[in-house]
Amino acid sequence: MDTKKLLAAGLVLVAAAGTLAWTLFNPSALPDGVVETNGRLEAEQVEVAIKTAGRVAEVLVSEGQMVAAGDLLVRIDNQQLLAKKREAEAQISQAQLAAEEAAAAVAQRQSQLKLANSELKRAQTLFKQKVATQDKLDQAESQQESASAGLRLAQATEKRTQASIEAARAGLQELQSLLDDTQIYAPRNGRVQYVLAQPGEVLAAGGRVITLLDVSDVYMTIFLPATQVGKLGINDEARLVLDPIPEYVVPARVSFIAGDAQFTPKSVETSEERNNLMFRVKLSIDPQLLKLHEEKVKTGVRGSAYVRTDSSKEWPADLTVQLP
């Protein structure tokens, strides 16, 4: 074998060795139609605040604790409101007693009017028969009008007392609403991210007390150029590989694609510049999957995200879903 043939054979062996080394040390080279980028896990945060000003009486949760919707988180001091509530209840009782008195007065006035009507009819009959004088008739008419006016006054008083009862009940309802607002409940399931107030602190209306992390709504935000975003659709499949657990591949879906570019040059004139525009994309993890692992879900974790710009392409073997 001559020198040229030996040299050619050596080059083939070197190329084969290089290919083998690349395969061994770069097993995850992506095929066309699959794009890789970076991001970090985020979740919806809920700021729980008090509706009216008050002093924090008790904090019933701690940071990192999982809570369910409706769980009591914080109690605000309510002693003044309780005193006002007792006062409102007493006012209702007084108004109800006044209403009973007004109802009795109406019944009495109705009886008086009935008697006055009878006396008037008798006086009219006797006057026609020329047995009674004009003075007697006038007196009977005056008594009937007085009894009628007395009845109207009693009925008005009864209505006023009923209105007082309704006003007192409305005041009590308002106080009860304020009392309810002193009990701060979790608006949804989640993890307590921060406790922002401690017992004894006086907060203004709208003061925040707890930050909840909704671990049922976890996603990774990524940025892709226009040429790639234009090939994505809502609910397209995606894959996430997180830095702390690279052995797992987490399935996700495209849940949001921004309608406006995040990085826009002052003047976009060429197609190359247009291709450099970056769009925000959200990749959401299935809530059912999150529920299975809610105790382990953490935000701020960084990792790699993979999307397909060609949905007809199969995912490579190393991006097959792998879960704990």
Protein backbone atom coordinates (compact mmCIF):
# COMPACT_ATOMS: atom_id res chain seq x y z
CA MET A 1 0.00 0.00 0.00
CA ASP A 2 1.47 3.37 -1.03
CA THR A 3 1.80 6.46 1.13
CA LYS A 4 -1.30 8.19 -0.33
CA LYS A 5 -3.55 5.24 0.46
CA LEU A 6 -2.20 5.08 4.01
CA LEU A 7 -2.82 8.78 4.46
CA ALA A 8 -6.39 8.47 3.14
CA ALA A 9 -7.11 5.57 5.44
CA GLY A 10 -5.76 7.56 8.39
CA LEU A 11 -8.01 10.50 7.55
CA VAL A 12 -11.05 8.20 7.41
CA LEU A 13 -10.17 6.78 10.82
CA VAL A 14 -9.70 10.28 12.27
CA ALA A 15 -13.09 11.39 10.86
CA ALA A 16 -14.81 8.30 12.22
CA ALA A 17 -13.22 8.88 15.63
CA GLY A 18 -14.34 12.49 15.56
CA THR A 19 -17.89 11.49 14.68
CA LEU A 20 -17.91 8.93 17.46
CA ALA A 21 -16.63 11.47 19.98
CA TRP A 22 -19.27 14.01 18.95
CA THR A 23 -21.96 11.38 19.32
CA LEU A 24 -20.72 10.42 22.75
CA PHE A 25 -20.24 13.91 24.13
CA ASN A 26 -23.11 15.65 22.29
CA PRO A 27 -25.91 13.11 22.28
CA SER A 28 -28.67 15.75 22.39
CA ALA A 29 -28.00 17.57 19.12
CA LEU A 30 -31.45 18.83 18.12
CA PRO A 31 -33.04 17.94 14.80
CA ASP A 32 -34.51 20.54 12.50
CA GLY A 33 -37.87 21.80 13.72
CA VAL A 34 -36.99 21.67 17.45
CA VAL A 35 -35.78 24.84 19.14
CA GLU A 36 -34.04 25.19 22.50
CA THR A 37 -33.98 28.25 24.73
CA ASN A 38 -33.64 29.11 28.40
CA GLY A 39 -36.03 30.33 31.07
CA ARG A 40 -37.11 29.93 34.66
CA LEU A 41 -40.24 28.65 36.36
CA GLU A 42 -42.74 31.24 37.54
CA ALA A 43 -46.14 31.03 39.22
CA GLU A 44 -49.11 33.30 39.74
CA GLN A 45 -48.70 35.30 42.94
CA VAL A 46 -51.73 36.46 44.94
CA GLU A 47 -51.33 39.41 47.30
CA VAL A 48 -53.77 38.97 50.22
CA ALA A 49 -54.63 42.31 51.84
CA ILE A 50 -57.01 43.67 54.47
CA LYS A 51 -60.03 45.64 53.30
CA THR A 52 -60.18 48.15 56.15
CA ALA A 53 -57.55 49.54 58.50
CA GLY A 54 -56.88 47.55 61.66
CA ARG A 55 -54.42 45.92 64.02
CA VAL A 56 -53.22 42.38 63.29
CA ALA A 57 -54.37 40.15 66.14
CA GLU A 58 -53.11 36.77 64.97
CA VAL A 59 -51.25 35.20 62.04
CA LEU A 60 -52.22 31.55 61.65
CA VAL A 61 -49.86 30.42 58.87
CA SER A 62 -46.14 30.36 58.25
CA GLU A 63 -44.01 30.75 55.14
CA GLY A 64 -43.84 27.63 53.01
CA GLN A 65 -47.12 26.24 54.35
CA MET A 66 -49.65 24.84 51.88
CA VAL A 67 -53.17 26.23 52.31
CA ALA A 68 -56.53 25.50 50.70
CA ALA A 69 -59.09 28.02 49.49
CA GLY A 70 -61.13 29.18 52.49
CA ASP A 71 -58.47 28.49 55.12
CA LEU A 72 -58.18 31.21 57.77
CA LEU A 73 -54.87 33.04 57.40
CA VAL A 74 -55.00 36.14 59.59
CA ARG A 75 -57.28 37.64 62.24
CA ILE A 76 -57.63 41.42 62.62
CA ASP A 77 -58.59 42.89 66.02
CA ASN A 78 -62.38 43.32 66.07
CA GLN A 79 -63.25 44.35 69.64
CA GLN A 80 -64.53 47.80 68.68
CA LEU A 81 -66.67 46.33 65.93
CA LEU A 82 -68.10 43.75 68.34
CA ALA A 83 -69.09 46.56 70.74
CA LYS A 84 -70.75 48.45 67.89
CA LYS A 85 -72.54 45.28 66.88
CA ARG A 86 -74.00 44.88 70.39
CA GLU A 87 -75.10 48.53 70.24
CA ALA A 88 -76.78 47.95 66.87
CA GLU A 89 -78.57 44.88 68.21
CA ALA A 90 -79.85 46.95 71.15
CA GLN A 91 -81.10 49.62 68.73
CA ILE A 92 -83.00 46.95 66.80
CA SER A 93 -84.62 45.73 70.03
CA GLN A 94 -85.65 49.31 70.91
CA ALA A 95 -87.04 49.87 67.44
CA GLN A 96 -89.02 46.63 67.64
CA LEU A 97 -90.54 47.69 70.98
CA ALA A 98 -91.46 51.06 69.47
CA ALA A 99 -93.07 49.22 66.56
CA GLU A 100 -95.16 47.13 68.95
CA GLU A 101 -96.31 50.30 70.72
CA ALA A 102 -97.14 51.89 67.36
CA ALA A 103 -99.13 48.82 66.32
CA ALA A 104 -101.11 48.98 69.58
CA ALA A 105 -101.76 52.68 69.00
CA VAL A 106 -103.05 51.93 65.51
CA ALA A 107 -105.43 49.30 66.89
CA GLN A 108 -106.66 51.78 69.52
CA ARG A 109 -107.18 54.52 66.93
CA GLN A 110 -109.04 52.11 64.67
CA SER A 111 -111.40 51.28 67.54
CA GLN A 112 -111.93 54.97 68.28
CA LEU A 113 -112.62 55.68 64.61
CA LYS A 114 -115.10 52.82 64.46
CA LEU A 115 -116.94 54.26 67.48
CA ALA A 116 -116.83 57.79 66.02
CA ASN A 117 -118.29 56.50 62.73
CA SER A 118 -121.16 54.86 64.63
CA GLU A 119 -121.79 58.01 66.64
CA LEU A 120 -121.81 60.09 63.46
CA LYS A 121 -124.32 57.81 61.74
CA ARG A 122 -126.60 57.93 64.81
CA ALA A 123 -126.34 61.72 64.96
CA GLN A 124 -127.15 62.01 61.26
CA THR A 125 -130.22 59.78 61.66
CA LEU A 126 -131.49 61.71 64.69
CA PHE A 127 -130.86 65.02 62.93
CA LYS A 128 -132.91 63.88 59.92
CA GLN A 129 -135.67 62.88 62.29
CA LYS A 130 -135.31 66.32 63.90
CA VAL A 131 -134.62 64.70 67.23
CA ALA A 132 -130.96 65.87 67.50
CA THR A 133 -129.77 69.43 67.11
CA GLN A 134 -127.22 70.77 64.65
CA ASP A 135 -124.70 71.10 67.47
CA LYS A 136 -124.92 67.37 68.20
CA LEU A 137 -124.32 66.57 64.52
CA ASP A 138 -121.39 68.95 64.32
CA GLN A 139 -119.87 67.45 67.45
CA ALA A 140 -120.17 63.91 66.05
CA GLU A 141 -118.57 64.96 62.75
CA SER A 142 -115.71 66.65 64.62
CA GLN A 143 -115.11 63.52 66.72
CA GLN A 144 -115.11 61.34 63.60
CA GLU A 145 -112.56 63.60 61.83
CA SER A 146 -110.38 63.67 64.93
CA ALA A 147 -110.46 59.87 65.22
CA SER A 148 -109.63 59.54 61.52
CA ALA A 149 -106.68 61.94 61.86
CA GLY A 150 -105.50 60.10 64.96
CA LEU A 151 -105.53 56.84 63.02
CA ARG A 152 -103.48 58.32 60.18
CA LEU A 153 -100.95 59.65 62.70
CA ALA A 154 -100.68 56.26 64.41
CA GLN A 155 -100.23 54.51 61.06
CA ALA A 156 -97.48 56.98 60.08
CA THR A 157 -95.76 56.39 63.41
CA GLU A 158 -95.93 52.64 62.82
CA LYS A 159 -94.34 53.05 59.37
CA ARG A 160 -91.61 55.23 60.86
CA THR A 161 -90.78 52.61 63.48
CA GLN A 162 -90.65 49.92 60.78
CA ALA A 163 -88.25 52.12 58.82
CA SER A 164 -86.14 52.52 61.96
CA ILE A 165 -85.99 48.74 62.29
CA GLU A 166 -84.86 48.37 58.68
CA ALA A 167 -82.20 51.07 59.15
CA ALA A 168 -80.94 49.40 62.32
CA ARG A 169 -80.83 46.02 60.57
CA ALA A 170 -78.90 47.56 57.65
CA GLY A 171 -76.42 49.03 60.12
CA LEU A 172 -76.05 45.64 61.79
CA GLN A 173 -75.52 44.00 58.40
CA GLU A 174 -72.80 46.53 57.58
CA LEU A 175 -71.09 45.87 60.90
CA GLN A 176 -71.30 42.13 60.29
CA SER A 177 -69.66 42.66 56.91
CA LEU A 178 -66.86 44.63 58.57
CA LEU A 179 -66.49 41.87 61.15
CA ASP A 180 -66.29 39.27 58.38
CA ASP A 181 -63.53 41.33 56.79
CA THR A 182 -61.44 40.96 59.96
CA GLN A 183 -61.12 37.25 59.15
CA ILE A 184 -58.69 36.94 56.23
CA TYR A 185 -59.16 33.71 54.28
CA ALA A 186 -57.14 32.15 51.48
CA PRO A 187 -58.75 33.05 48.14
CA ARG A 188 -57.37 29.92 46.45
CA ASN A 189 -55.14 26.91 47.00
CA GLY A 190 -51.47 27.71 47.20
CA ARG A 191 -48.27 27.98 49.19
CA VAL A 192 -47.56 30.83 51.59
CA GLN A 193 -44.66 32.61 49.94
CA TYR A 194 -44.27 35.54 52.36
CA VAL A 195 -45.84 36.58 55.67
CA LEU A 196 -45.83 40.36 55.42
CA ALA A 197 -47.38 41.35 58.76
CA GLN A 198 -46.96 40.27 62.36
CA PRO A 199 -49.34 40.39 65.36
CA GLY A 200 -49.58 43.88 66.79
CA GLU A 201 -48.89 45.71 63.55
CA VAL A 202 -51.42 48.38 62.54
CA LEU A 203 -52.12 48.38 58.81
CA ALA A 204 -53.88 50.84 56.59
CA ALA A 205 -56.76 49.79 54.37
CA GLY A 206 -55.36 47.66 51.59
CA GLY A 207 -52.31 46.65 53.62
CA ARG A 208 -50.84 43.35 52.47
CA VAL A 209 -50.57 40.52 54.98
CA ILE A 210 -49.79 37.38 52.98
CA THR A 211 -48.34 36.55 49.56
CA LEU A 212 -49.67 33.26 48.17
CA LEU A 213 -48.07 31.30 45.38
CA ASP A 214 -50.60 29.48 43.21
CA VAL A 215 -48.73 26.25 42.48
CA SER A 216 -51.54 25.10 40.19
CA ASP A 217 -50.49 27.78 37.67
CA VAL A 218 -46.79 27.29 37.01
CA TYR A 219 -45.14 28.26 33.74
CA MET A 220 -41.85 29.15 32.11
CA THR A 221 -41.49 32.40 30.22
CA ILE A 222 -39.22 32.30 27.19
CA PHE A 223 -38.37 34.69 24.34
CA LEU A 224 -38.18 33.60 20.72
CA PRO A 225 -37.44 35.45 17.48
CA ALA A 226 -40.20 36.29 15.03
CA THR A 227 -39.16 33.57 12.58
CA GLN A 228 -39.78 30.89 15.22
CA VAL A 229 -42.78 32.40 17.00
CA GLY A 230 -44.65 32.63 13.71
CA LYS A 231 -44.65 28.83 13.51
CA LEU A 232 -46.05 28.27 17.02
CA GLY A 233 -49.68 27.97 18.04
CA ILE A 234 -51.54 27.98 21.33
CA ASN A 235 -51.56 24.51 22.98
CA ASP A 236 -48.55 23.35 20.98
CA GLU A 237 -46.48 20.81 22.89
CA ALA A 238 -43.27 21.81 24.66
CA ARG A 239 -40.70 20.17 26.90
CA LEU A 240 -38.90 21.50 29.99
CA VAL A 241 -35.63 20.20 31.43
CA LEU A 242 -34.86 21.83 34.78
CA ASP A 243 -31.31 22.37 36.01
CA PRO A 244 -31.80 20.71 39.46
CA ILE A 245 -33.39 17.58 37.92
CA PRO A 246 -31.90 17.16 34.42
CA GLU A 247 -32.85 13.49 34.40
CA TYR A 248 -36.53 14.38 34.01
CA VAL A 249 -38.35 15.83 31.00
CA VAL A 250 -41.48 17.75 31.96
CA PRO A 251 -44.30 18.16 29.41
CA ALA A 252 -45.76 21.62 28.88
CA ARG A 253 -47.92 23.52 26.41
CA VAL A 254 -47.78 26.92 24.78
CA SER A 255 -50.39 28.94 26.72
CA PHE A 256 -49.56 32.47 25.59
CA ILE A 257 -47.83 34.19 22.69
CA ALA A 258 -47.31 37.93 22.92
CA GLY A 259 -48.90 39.98 20.17
CA ASP A 260 -46.18 42.63 20.37
CA ALA A 261 -42.43 42.24 20.23
CA GLN A 262 -40.57 42.78 23.48
CA PHE A 263 -37.41 44.16 21.88
CA THR A 264 -38.14 46.52 19.02
CA PRO A 265 -35.51 48.66 17.28
CA LYS A 266 -36.37 52.32 16.70
CA SER A 267 -36.62 51.70 12.99
CA VAL A 268 -37.41 48.29 11.49
CA GLU A 269 -36.63 48.51 7.82
CA THR A 270 -34.99 45.29 6.72
CA SER A 271 -36.13 41.68 6.92
CA GLU A 272 -33.05 40.87 8.99
CA GLU A 273 -34.07 43.44 11.60
CA ARG A 274 -37.60 42.10 11.64
CA ASN A 275 -36.28 38.58 12.24
CA ASN A 276 -34.44 39.86 15.32
CA LEU A 277 -37.65 40.93 17.05
CA MET A 278 -38.22 38.84 20.18
CA PHE A 279 -41.65 37.71 21.39
CA ARG A 280 -42.62 36.53 24.86
CA VAL A 281 -44.05 33.00 25.08
CA LYS A 282 -45.46 31.18 28.12
CA LEU A 283 -45.10 27.42 28.49
CA SER A 284 -47.56 26.14 31.11
CA ILE A 285 -47.41 22.86 33.00
CA ASP A 286 -50.58 20.78 33.29
CA PRO A 287 -52.38 21.63 36.59
CA GLN A 288 -53.13 17.94 37.20
CA LEU A 289 -49.43 17.14 37.00
CA LEU A 290 -48.64 20.03 39.33
CA LYS A 291 -51.20 18.77 41.84
CA LEU A 292 -49.42 15.43 42.03
CA HIS A 293 -46.15 17.16 42.96
CA GLU A 294 -47.37 20.40 44.57
CA GLU A 295 -45.19 19.91 47.64
CA LYS A 296 -42.08 19.87 45.45
CA VAL A 297 -43.02 22.63 43.02
CA LYS A 298 -40.69 25.62 43.30
CA THR A 299 -40.46 28.84 41.36
CA GLY A 300 -37.31 30.57 40.22
CA VAL A 301 -35.83 27.25 39.06
CA ARG A 302 -33.98 27.68 35.78
CA GLY A 303 -33.79 25.27 32.93
CA SER A 304 -34.05 24.64 29.21
CA ALA A 305 -37.25 24.85 27.18
CA TYR A 306 -37.89 23.09 23.88
CA VAL A 307 -40.59 23.86 21.32
CA ARG A 308 -41.31 22.49 17.87
CA THR A 309 -41.53 24.90 14.97
CA ASP A 310 -42.70 21.95 12.90
CA SER A 311 -45.40 19.94 14.68
CA SER A 312 -45.00 17.07 12.21
CA LYS A 313 -41.54 16.35 13.60
CA GLU A 314 -41.17 13.72 16.30
CA TRP A 315 -39.53 14.63 19.59
CA PRO A 316 -36.00 13.27 19.83
CA ALA A 317 -35.51 10.30 22.15
CA ASP A 318 -33.77 12.35 24.84
CA LEU A 319 -36.84 14.64 25.05
CA THR A 320 -39.32 11.84 25.70
CA VAL A 321 -41.37 12.69 28.76
CA GLN A 322 -39.72 11.40 31.93
CA LEU A 323 -41.39 12.12 35.27
CA PRO A 324 -40.63 11.11 38.88
